[in-house]
Amino acid sequence: MHPETIFITRYVASHEASLPWYEKFFGRSPDAEPVPSCREWRLSQGVLFQVIEDAGRQGEQSVAFGVADLTATASVLAESGLEMAEASAVDGFTTLRYTEIRDPEGVPLGLLDGE
């Protein structure tokens, strides 16, 4: 697998309460708002940190890898014995698809493609 982008995500109950802290931490406002629930900082080429407002997942964190072709990546991983769920569309995006694969300890790693 050859990820093009790494998404590090922090889930918070409220942007209003959390964003000022992250703006101080990074020394600047978010670089993007891809959907209303997400604020995103570009940390370096291909590395993004997201703060997503989702009270149901408050306190959680996740990592996802952006790939050029999720179907092809899933096929290669399946050939090596790694299985994952079917990809599904991501709300708010026209072509973005997402799925998860779990490591041996059950920790989910996201995979996505599209824009």
Protein backbone atom coordinates (compact mmCIF):
# COMPACT_ATOMS: atom_id res chain seq x y z
CA MET A 1 0.00 0.00 0.00
CA HIS A 2 1.23 3.48 -0.88
CA PRO A 3 -0.67 6.17 1.03
CA GLU A 4 -0.75 9.61 -0.54
CA THR A 5 -2.20 11.34 2.52
CA ILE A 6 -2.35 10.63 6.25
CA PHE A 7 -5.35 11.97 8.17
CA ILE A 8 -5.00 12.24 11.94
CA THR A 9 -8.42 12.95 13.43
CA ARG A 10 -9.49 14.12 16.87
CA TYR A 11 -13.20 13.98 17.70
CA VAL A 12 -14.59 16.70 19.97
CA ALA A 13 -18.01 17.48 21.46
CA SER A 14 -17.94 21.10 20.34
CA HIS A 15 -15.91 23.14 17.88
CA GLU A 16 -16.81 26.25 19.85
CA ALA A 17 -15.10 24.87 22.95
CA SER A 18 -12.17 23.11 21.23
CA LEU A 19 -11.08 25.12 18.19
CA PRO A 20 -9.56 28.06 20.12
CA TRP A 21 -7.23 25.61 21.88
CA TYR A 22 -6.14 23.95 18.63
CA GLU A 23 -5.65 27.35 16.98
CA LYS A 24 -3.29 28.28 19.81
CA PHE A 25 -1.58 24.88 19.62
CA PHE A 26 -0.90 25.17 15.87
CA GLY A 27 -0.43 28.95 15.99
CA ARG A 28 -3.03 29.56 13.29
CA SER A 29 -6.59 29.03 12.18
CA PRO A 30 -7.54 25.85 10.30
CA ASP A 31 -6.51 25.70 6.66
CA ALA A 32 -9.78 24.17 5.48
CA GLU A 33 -13.36 23.30 6.37
CA PRO A 34 -14.10 20.38 4.02
CA VAL A 35 -17.54 19.85 5.61
CA PRO A 36 -19.29 21.78 8.42
CA SER A 37 -18.29 19.28 11.11
CA CYS A 38 -14.58 19.25 10.16
CA ARG A 39 -11.71 21.72 10.52
CA GLU A 40 -8.40 20.75 9.00
CA TRP A 41 -4.76 21.82 9.37
CA ARG A 42 -2.20 20.89 6.73
CA LEU A 43 0.88 20.01 8.77
CA SER A 44 3.18 19.01 5.92
CA GLN A 45 2.96 17.52 2.44
CA GLY A 46 0.34 14.79 2.71
CA VAL A 47 -0.24 15.05 6.50
CA LEU A 48 -3.50 16.54 7.75
CA PHE A 49 -4.82 16.99 11.28
CA GLN A 50 -8.60 17.19 11.57
CA VAL A 51 -10.85 18.24 14.43
CA ILE A 52 -14.29 16.75 13.85
CA GLU A 53 -17.30 17.78 15.91
CA ASP A 54 -19.08 14.56 16.92
CA ALA A 55 -20.30 14.41 20.51
CA GLY A 56 -20.90 10.66 20.17
CA ARG A 57 -17.18 10.09 19.55
CA GLN A 58 -15.83 12.80 21.87
CA GLY A 59 -12.33 11.92 23.08
CA GLU A 60 -11.63 9.43 20.30
CA GLN A 61 -8.86 9.70 17.75
CA SER A 62 -8.33 7.95 14.44
CA VAL A 63 -5.85 7.57 11.62
CA ALA A 64 -6.77 7.15 7.97
CA PHE A 65 -4.66 6.73 4.87
CA GLY A 66 -5.64 8.32 1.58
CA VAL A 67 -4.92 6.10 -1.42
CA ALA A 68 -5.27 6.71 -5.15
CA ASP A 69 -7.57 3.73 -5.75
CA LEU A 70 -9.37 2.13 -2.81
CA THR A 71 -10.67 -0.80 -4.87
CA ALA A 72 -7.17 -1.69 -6.09
CA THR A 73 -5.69 -1.24 -2.60
CA ALA A 74 -8.37 -3.50 -1.10
CA SER A 75 -7.61 -6.13 -3.74
CA VAL A 76 -3.88 -6.08 -2.99
CA LEU A 77 -4.50 -6.27 0.77
CA ALA A 78 -6.97 -9.15 0.27
CA GLU A 79 -4.38 -11.04 -1.77
CA SER A 80 -2.01 -10.75 1.19
CA GLY A 81 -4.69 -12.12 3.56
CA LEU A 82 -6.04 -8.84 4.97
CA GLU A 83 -9.78 -8.28 4.64
CA MET A 84 -11.85 -5.16 5.14
CA ALA A 85 -15.44 -4.05 4.92
CA GLU A 86 -16.96 -2.67 1.73
CA ALA A 87 -16.20 0.99 1.16
CA SER A 88 -19.03 3.45 1.61
CA ALA A 89 -19.60 7.05 0.53
CA VAL A 90 -18.65 9.79 2.99
CA ASP A 91 -21.45 12.25 3.79
CA GLY A 92 -20.93 15.69 2.32
CA PHE A 93 -18.61 14.55 -0.49
CA THR A 94 -19.43 13.54 -4.04
CA THR A 95 -16.79 10.87 -4.64
CA LEU A 96 -15.06 10.22 -1.31
CA ARG A 97 -15.24 6.58 -0.16
CA TYR A 98 -14.09 5.16 3.21
CA THR A 99 -13.55 1.80 4.82
CA GLU A 100 -11.70 0.42 7.83
CA ILE A 101 -9.35 -2.45 8.36
CA ARG A 102 -8.39 -3.65 11.84
CA ASP A 103 -4.92 -4.51 13.04
CA PRO A 104 -4.24 -7.66 15.13
CA GLU A 105 -5.32 -5.84 18.33
CA GLY A 106 -8.57 -4.68 16.76
CA VAL A 107 -7.53 -1.06 16.26
CA PRO A 108 -9.21 0.38 13.16
CA LEU A 109 -7.19 2.04 10.42
CA GLY A 110 -9.15 3.99 7.83
CA LEU A 111 -8.60 3.88 4.10
CA LEU A 112 -10.16 6.38 1.71
CA ASP A 113 -10.04 7.62 -1.85
CA GLY A 114 -11.70 10.25 -3.98
CA GLU A 115 -12.25 13.93 -3.25
